[in-house]
Amino acid sequence: MAPVLSELGTRLGDRISIVEIDVDQHTDLAVKMKVMGVPTFMIYKNGRQLWSEAGTFTFETLKKKLEDAENQ
């Protein structure tokens, strides 16, 4: 997933922030955020969670999710 996230950061970097959290080191946060699988992707806008899903995704899928969230 690192290449996909890197490309998203390159193309959308001025519009998004990508944060990676090591759930093994931050188990309390993983529980609080209800992370059930790794990797889990979450999209927030103005402090409100718009989407969360575990699994791997293509660049195009994540880009579309981010664009949809941007338009909400």
PDB file of N, CA and C in Angstrom:
ATOM      1  N   MET A   1       0.811  -1.193   0.000  1.00  0.00           N
ATOM      2  CA  MET A   1       0.000   0.000   0.000  1.00  0.00           C
ATOM      3  C   MET A   1       0.861   1.267   0.000  1.00  0.00           C
ATOM      4  N   ALA A   2       2.112   1.138   0.402  1.00  0.00           N
ATOM      5  CA  ALA A   2       2.978   2.320   0.475  1.00  0.00           C
ATOM      6  C   ALA A   2       3.074   3.058  -0.857  1.00  0.00           C
ATOM      7  N   PRO A   3       3.239   2.370  -2.001  1.00  0.00           N
ATOM      8  CA  PRO A   3       3.304   3.101  -3.266  1.00  0.00           C
ATOM      9  C   PRO A   3       1.997   3.841  -3.590  1.00  0.00           C
ATOM     10  N   VAL A   4       0.872   3.239  -3.253  1.00  0.00           N
ATOM     11  CA  VAL A   4      -0.426   3.883  -3.513  1.00  0.00           C
ATOM     12  C   VAL A   4      -0.556   5.135  -2.651  1.00  0.00           C
ATOM     13  N   LEU A   5      -0.218   5.037  -1.378  1.00  0.00           N
ATOM     14  CA  LEU A   5      -0.307   6.197  -0.486  1.00  0.00           C
ATOM     15  C   LEU A   5       0.669   7.294  -0.902  1.00  0.00           C
ATOM     16  N   SER A   6       1.845   6.887  -1.335  1.00  0.00           N
ATOM     17  CA  SER A   6       2.826   7.861  -1.803  1.00  0.00           C
ATOM     18  C   SER A   6       2.308   8.616  -3.021  1.00  0.00           C
ATOM     19  N   GLU A   7       1.716   7.890  -3.956  1.00  0.00           N
ATOM     20  CA  GLU A   7       1.166   8.532  -5.162  1.00  0.00           C
ATOM     21  C   GLU A   7       0.002   9.455  -4.815  1.00  0.00           C
ATOM     22  N   LEU A   8      -0.862   9.028  -3.890  1.00  0.00           N
ATOM     23  CA  LEU A   8      -1.961   9.896  -3.449  1.00  0.00           C
ATOM     24  C   LEU A   8      -1.405  11.172  -2.829  1.00  0.00           C
ATOM     25  N   GLY A   9      -0.394  11.016  -1.995  1.00  0.00           N
ATOM     26  CA  GLY A   9       0.231  12.186  -1.379  1.00  0.00           C
ATOM     27  C   GLY A   9       0.831  13.126  -2.399  1.00  0.00           C
ATOM     28  N   THR A  10       1.438  12.568  -3.431  1.00  0.00           N
ATOM     29  CA  THR A  10       2.040  13.382  -4.483  1.00  0.00           C
ATOM     30  C   THR A  10       0.975  14.137  -5.275  1.00  0.00           C
ATOM     31  N   ARG A  11      -0.076  13.431  -5.659  1.00  0.00           N
ATOM     32  CA  ARG A  11      -1.098  14.048  -6.519  1.00  0.00           C
ATOM     33  C   ARG A  11      -2.082  14.926  -5.766  1.00  0.00           C
ATOM     34  N   LEU A  12      -2.393  14.572  -4.517  1.00  0.00           N
ATOM     35  CA  LEU A  12      -3.429  15.302  -3.776  1.00  0.00           C
ATOM     36  C   LEU A  12      -2.887  15.971  -2.525  1.00  0.00           C
ATOM     37  N   GLY A  13      -1.579  16.023  -2.393  1.00  0.00           N
ATOM     38  CA  GLY A  13      -0.929  16.474  -1.172  1.00  0.00           C
ATOM     39  C   GLY A  13      -1.388  17.794  -0.609  1.00  0.00           C
ATOM     40  N   ASP A  14      -1.770  18.727  -1.448  1.00  0.00           N
ATOM     41  CA  ASP A  14      -2.215  20.023  -0.947  1.00  0.00           C
ATOM     42  C   ASP A  14      -3.665  19.969  -0.454  1.00  0.00           C
ATOM     43  N   ARG A  15      -4.359  18.868  -0.737  1.00  0.00           N
ATOM     44  CA  ARG A  15      -5.772  18.747  -0.359  1.00  0.00           C
ATOM     45  C   ARG A  15      -6.024  17.712   0.731  1.00  0.00           C
ATOM     46  N   ILE A  16      -5.025  16.862   1.016  1.00  0.00           N
ATOM     47  CA  ILE A  16      -5.223  15.791   1.992  1.00  0.00           C
ATOM     48  C   ILE A  16      -4.025  15.681   2.931  1.00  0.00           C
ATOM     49  N   SER A  17      -4.248  15.014   4.052  1.00  0.00           N
ATOM     50  CA  SER A  17      -3.167  14.621   4.957  1.00  0.00           C
ATOM     51  C   SER A  17      -3.258  13.114   5.126  1.00  0.00           C
ATOM     52  N   ILE A  18      -2.146  12.440   4.961  1.00  0.00           N
ATOM     53  CA  ILE A  18      -2.102  10.992   5.144  1.00  0.00           C
ATOM     54  C   ILE A  18      -1.368  10.729   6.451  1.00  0.00           C
ATOM     55  N   VAL A  19      -2.020   9.971   7.329  1.00  0.00           N
ATOM     56  CA  VAL A  19      -1.447   9.645   8.629  1.00  0.00           C
ATOM     57  C   VAL A  19      -1.403   8.132   8.761  1.00  0.00           C
ATOM     58  N   GLU A  20      -0.238   7.607   9.068  1.00  0.00           N
ATOM     59  CA  GLU A  20      -0.083   6.172   9.295  1.00  0.00           C
ATOM     60  C   GLU A  20       0.177   5.954  10.780  1.00  0.00           C
ATOM     61  N   ILE A  21      -0.548   4.988  11.362  1.00  0.00           N
ATOM     62  CA  ILE A  21      -0.407   4.700  12.781  1.00  0.00           C
ATOM     63  C   ILE A  21      -0.078   3.222  12.947  1.00  0.00           C
ATOM     64  N   ASP A  22       0.945   2.917  13.722  1.00  0.00           N
ATOM     65  CA  ASP A  22       1.337   1.541  14.025  1.00  0.00           C
ATOM     66  C   ASP A  22       0.413   1.032  15.134  1.00  0.00           C
ATOM     67  N   VAL A  23      -0.548   0.182  14.775  1.00  0.00           N
ATOM     68  CA  VAL A  23      -1.529  -0.288  15.751  1.00  0.00           C
ATOM     69  C   VAL A  23      -0.906  -1.223  16.785  1.00  0.00           C
ATOM     70  N   ASP A  24       0.247  -1.812  16.492  1.00  0.00           N
ATOM     71  CA  ASP A  24       0.931  -2.633  17.487  1.00  0.00           C
ATOM     72  C   ASP A  24       1.501  -1.766  18.611  1.00  0.00           C
ATOM     73  N   GLN A  25       1.914  -0.571  18.285  1.00  0.00           N
ATOM     74  CA  GLN A  25       2.461   0.344  19.285  1.00  0.00           C
ATOM     75  C   GLN A  25       1.392   1.225  19.909  1.00  0.00           C
ATOM     76  N   HIS A  26       0.254   1.359  19.263  1.00  0.00           N
ATOM     77  CA  HIS A  26      -0.823   2.232  19.746  1.00  0.00           C
ATOM     78  C   HIS A  26      -2.132   1.452  19.825  1.00  0.00           C
ATOM     79  N   THR A  27      -2.114   0.378  20.602  1.00  0.00           N
ATOM     80  CA  THR A  27      -3.290  -0.488  20.687  1.00  0.00           C
ATOM     81  C   THR A  27      -4.497   0.233  21.258  1.00  0.00           C
ATOM     82  N   ASP A  28      -4.269   1.172  22.186  1.00  0.00           N
ATOM     83  CA  ASP A  28      -5.387   1.918  22.759  1.00  0.00           C
ATOM     84  C   ASP A  28      -6.120   2.726  21.679  1.00  0.00           C
ATOM     85  N   LEU A  29      -5.371   3.315  20.788  1.00  0.00           N
ATOM     86  CA  LEU A  29      -5.980   4.079  19.698  1.00  0.00           C
ATOM     87  C   LEU A  29      -6.693   3.156  18.712  1.00  0.00           C
ATOM     88  N   ALA A  30      -6.097   2.008  18.434  1.00  0.00           N
ATOM     89  CA  ALA A  30      -6.729   1.042  17.530  1.00  0.00           C
ATOM     90  C   ALA A  30      -8.081   0.590  18.078  1.00  0.00           C
ATOM     91  N   VAL A  31      -8.147   0.352  19.371  1.00  0.00           N
ATOM     92  CA  VAL A  31      -9.417  -0.040  20.001  1.00  0.00           C
ATOM     93  C   VAL A  31     -10.414   1.108  19.929  1.00  0.00           C
ATOM     94  N   LYS A  32      -9.967   2.297  20.262  1.00  0.00           N
ATOM     95  CA  LYS A  32     -10.846   3.473  20.238  1.00  0.00           C
ATOM     96  C   LYS A  32     -11.407   3.725  18.837  1.00  0.00           C
ATOM     97  N   MET A  33     -10.569   3.509  17.811  1.00  0.00           N
ATOM     98  CA  MET A  33     -10.980   3.773  16.435  1.00  0.00           C
ATOM     99  C   MET A  33     -11.666   2.558  15.801  1.00  0.00           C
ATOM    100  N   LYS A  34     -11.808   1.480  16.580  1.00  0.00           N
ATOM    101  CA  LYS A  34     -12.484   0.258  16.128  1.00  0.00           C
ATOM    102  C   LYS A  34     -11.812  -0.371  14.907  1.00  0.00           C
ATOM    103  N   VAL A  35     -10.495  -0.415  14.948  1.00  0.00           N
ATOM    104  CA  VAL A  35      -9.725  -1.039  13.881  1.00  0.00           C
ATOM    105  C   VAL A  35      -9.811  -2.558  14.065  1.00  0.00           C
ATOM    106  N   MET A  36     -10.406  -3.236  13.093  1.00  0.00           N
ATOM    107  CA  MET A  36     -10.579  -4.682  13.172  1.00  0.00           C
ATOM    108  C   MET A  36      -9.664  -5.433  12.215  1.00  0.00           C
ATOM    109  N   GLY A  37      -9.058  -4.734  11.285  1.00  0.00           N
ATOM    110  CA  GLY A  37      -8.160  -5.354  10.319  1.00  0.00           C
ATOM    111  C   GLY A  37      -7.098  -4.362   9.908  1.00  0.00           C
ATOM    112  N   VAL A  38      -6.011  -4.901   9.372  1.00  0.00           N
ATOM    113  CA  VAL A  38      -4.905  -4.054   8.925  1.00  0.00           C
ATOM    114  C   VAL A  38      -4.610  -4.388   7.481  1.00  0.00           C
ATOM    115  N   PRO A  39      -4.541  -3.407   6.622  1.00  0.00           N
ATOM    116  CA  PRO A  39      -4.685  -1.982   6.895  1.00  0.00           C
ATOM    117  C   PRO A  39      -6.158  -1.562   6.973  1.00  0.00           C
ATOM    118  N   THR A  40      -6.405  -0.517   7.724  1.00  0.00           N
ATOM    119  CA  THR A  40      -7.719   0.115   7.770  1.00  0.00           C
ATOM    120  C   THR A  40      -7.549   1.547   7.300  1.00  0.00           C
ATOM    121  N   PHE A  41      -8.406   1.959   6.402  1.00  0.00           N
ATOM    122  CA  PHE A  41      -8.380   3.321   5.876  1.00  0.00           C
ATOM    123  C   PHE A  41      -9.572   4.075   6.426  1.00  0.00           C
ATOM    124  N   MET A  42      -9.340   5.322   6.799  1.00  0.00           N
ATOM    125  CA  MET A  42     -10.396   6.183   7.304  1.00  0.00           C
ATOM    126  C   MET A  42     -10.281   7.535   6.630  1.00  0.00           C
ATOM    127  N   ILE A  43     -11.413   8.100   6.317  1.00  0.00           N
ATOM    128  CA  ILE A  43     -11.443   9.445   5.748  1.00  0.00           C
ATOM    129  C   ILE A  43     -12.247  10.328   6.689  1.00  0.00           C
ATOM    130  N   TYR A  44     -11.624  11.433   7.076  1.00  0.00           N
ATOM    131  CA  TYR A  44     -12.267  12.418   7.930  1.00  0.00           C
ATOM    132  C   TYR A  44     -12.327  13.753   7.198  1.00  0.00           C
ATOM    133  N   LYS A  45     -13.374  14.489   7.469  1.00  0.00           N
ATOM    134  CA  LYS A  45     -13.478  15.850   6.961  1.00  0.00           C
ATOM    135  C   LYS A  45     -14.074  16.701   8.063  1.00  0.00           C
ATOM    136  N   ASN A  46     -13.373  17.772   8.419  1.00  0.00           N
ATOM    137  CA  ASN A  46     -13.812  18.668   9.488  1.00  0.00           C
ATOM    138  C   ASN A  46     -14.097  17.911  10.779  1.00  0.00           C
ATOM    139  N   GLY A  47     -13.246  16.920  11.083  1.00  0.00           N
ATOM    140  CA  GLY A  47     -13.369  16.169  12.320  1.00  0.00           C
ATOM    141  C   GLY A  47     -14.436  15.088  12.334  1.00  0.00           C
ATOM    142  N   ARG A  48     -15.097  14.895  11.214  1.00  0.00           N
ATOM    143  CA  ARG A  48     -16.174  13.903  11.131  1.00  0.00           C
ATOM    144  C   ARG A  48     -15.739  12.760  10.221  1.00  0.00           C
ATOM    145  N   GLN A  49     -15.892  11.534  10.719  1.00  0.00           N
ATOM    146  CA  GLN A  49     -15.519  10.370   9.918  1.00  0.00           C
ATOM    147  C   GLN A  49     -16.553  10.153   8.820  1.00  0.00           C
ATOM    148  N   LEU A  50     -16.060  10.085   7.579  1.00  0.00           N
ATOM    149  CA  LEU A  50     -16.937   9.887   6.426  1.00  0.00           C
ATOM    150  C   LEU A  50     -16.882   8.461   5.898  1.00  0.00           C
ATOM    151  N   TRP A  51     -15.760   7.765   6.145  1.00  0.00           N
ATOM    152  CA  TRP A  51     -15.598   6.428   5.588  1.00  0.00           C
ATOM    153  C   TRP A  51     -14.518   5.693   6.356  1.00  0.00           C
ATOM    154  N   SER A  52     -14.726   4.402   6.534  1.00  0.00           N
ATOM    155  CA  SER A  52     -13.731   3.543   7.154  1.00  0.00           C
ATOM    156  C   SER A  52     -13.919   2.135   6.616  1.00  0.00           C
ATOM    157  N   GLU A  53     -12.813   1.525   6.206  1.00  0.00           N
ATOM    158  CA  GLU A  53     -12.885   0.164   5.679  1.00  0.00           C
ATOM    159  C   GLU A  53     -11.501  -0.478   5.748  1.00  0.00           C
ATOM    160  N   ALA A  54     -11.485  -1.752   6.121  1.00  0.00           N
ATOM    161  CA  ALA A  54     -10.238  -2.504   6.162  1.00  0.00           C
ATOM    162  C   ALA A  54     -10.022  -3.197   4.823  1.00  0.00           C
ATOM    163  N   GLY A  55      -8.770  -3.340   4.451  1.00  0.00           N
ATOM    164  CA  GLY A  55      -8.436  -4.037   3.220  1.00  0.00           C
ATOM    165  C   GLY A  55      -7.434  -3.254   2.402  1.00  0.00           C
ATOM    166  N   THR A  56      -7.111  -3.784   1.248  1.00  0.00           N
ATOM    167  CA  THR A  56      -6.213  -3.084   0.332  1.00  0.00           C
ATOM    168  C   THR A  56      -7.035  -2.523  -0.823  1.00  0.00           C
ATOM    169  N   PHE A  57      -6.596  -1.392  -1.329  1.00  0.00           N
ATOM    170  CA  PHE A  57      -7.333  -0.691  -2.368  1.00  0.00           C
ATOM    171  C   PHE A  57      -6.379  -0.176  -3.435  1.00  0.00           C
ATOM    172  N   THR A  58      -6.887  -0.044  -4.636  1.00  0.00           N
ATOM    173  CA  THR A  58      -6.097   0.523  -5.720  1.00  0.00           C
ATOM    174  C   THR A  58      -6.022   2.038  -5.551  1.00  0.00           C
ATOM    175  N   PHE A  59      -5.087   2.621  -6.264  1.00  0.00           N
ATOM    176  CA  PHE A  59      -4.963   4.078  -6.279  1.00  0.00           C
ATOM    177  C   PHE A  59      -6.281   4.708  -6.694  1.00  0.00           C
ATOM    178  N   GLU A  60      -6.872   4.215  -7.770  1.00  0.00           N
ATOM    179  CA  GLU A  60      -8.108   4.807  -8.292  1.00  0.00           C
ATOM    180  C   GLU A  60      -9.260   4.717  -7.297  1.00  0.00           C
ATOM    181  N   THR A  61      -9.371   3.593  -6.595  1.00  0.00           N
ATOM    182  CA  THR A  61     -10.440   3.431  -5.605  1.00  0.00           C
ATOM    183  C   THR A  61     -10.294   4.443  -4.476  1.00  0.00           C
ATOM    184  N   LEU A  62      -9.083   4.558  -3.933  1.00  0.00           N
ATOM    185  CA  LEU A  62      -8.867   5.513  -2.842  1.00  0.00           C
ATOM    186  C   LEU A  62      -9.025   6.951  -3.316  1.00  0.00           C
ATOM    187  N   LYS A  63      -8.553   7.243  -4.504  1.00  0.00           N
ATOM    188  CA  LYS A  63      -8.697   8.594  -5.056  1.00  0.00           C
ATOM    189  C   LYS A  63     -10.167   8.951  -5.181  1.00  0.00           C
ATOM    190  N   LYS A  64     -10.990   8.018  -5.669  1.00  0.00           N
ATOM    191  CA  LYS A  64     -12.423   8.267  -5.801  1.00  0.00           C
ATOM    192  C   LYS A  64     -13.064   8.481  -4.432  1.00  0.00           C
ATOM    193  N   LYS A  65     -12.705   7.669  -3.444  1.00  0.00           N
ATOM    194  CA  LYS A  65     -13.241   7.841  -2.083  1.00  0.00           C
ATOM    195  C   LYS A  65     -12.891   9.221  -1.538  1.00  0.00           C
ATOM    196  N   LEU A  66     -11.655   9.659  -1.768  1.00  0.00           N
ATOM    197  CA  LEU A  66     -11.225  10.978  -1.299  1.00  0.00           C
ATOM    198  C   LEU A  66     -11.963  12.100  -2.033  1.00  0.00           C
ATOM    199  N   GLU A  67     -12.133  11.968  -3.320  1.00  0.00           N
ATOM    200  CA  GLU A  67     -12.853  12.975  -4.087  1.00  0.00           C
ATOM    201  C   GLU A  67     -14.318  13.043  -3.673  1.00  0.00           C
ATOM    202  N   ASP A  68     -14.931  11.880  -3.436  1.00  0.00           N
ATOM    203  CA  ASP A  68     -16.323  11.846  -2.959  1.00  0.00           C
ATOM    204  C   ASP A  68     -16.428  12.555  -1.603  1.00  0.00           C
ATOM    205  N   ALA A  69     -15.472  12.299  -0.725  1.00  0.00           N
ATOM    206  CA  ALA A  69     -15.480  12.928   0.591  1.00  0.00           C
ATOM    207  C   ALA A  69     -15.282  14.437   0.487  1.00  0.00           C
ATOM    208  N   GLU A  70     -14.458  14.843  -0.445  1.00  0.00           N
ATOM    209  CA  GLU A  70     -14.192  16.269  -0.649  1.00  0.00           C
ATOM    210  C   GLU A  70     -15.473  17.010  -1.058  1.00  0.00           C
ATOM    211  N   ASN A  71     -16.343  16.317  -1.773  1.00  0.00           N
ATOM    212  CA  ASN A  71     -17.579  16.938  -2.263  1.00  0.00           C
ATOM    213  C   ASN A  71     -18.741  16.858  -1.281  1.00  0.00           C
ATOM    214  N   GLN A  72     -18.502  16.260  -0.130  1.00  0.00           N
ATOM    215  CA  GLN A  72     -19.569  16.188   0.883  1.00  0.00           C
ATOM    216  C   GLN A  72     -19.590  17.420   1.740  1.00  0.00           C
TER     217      GLN A  72
END
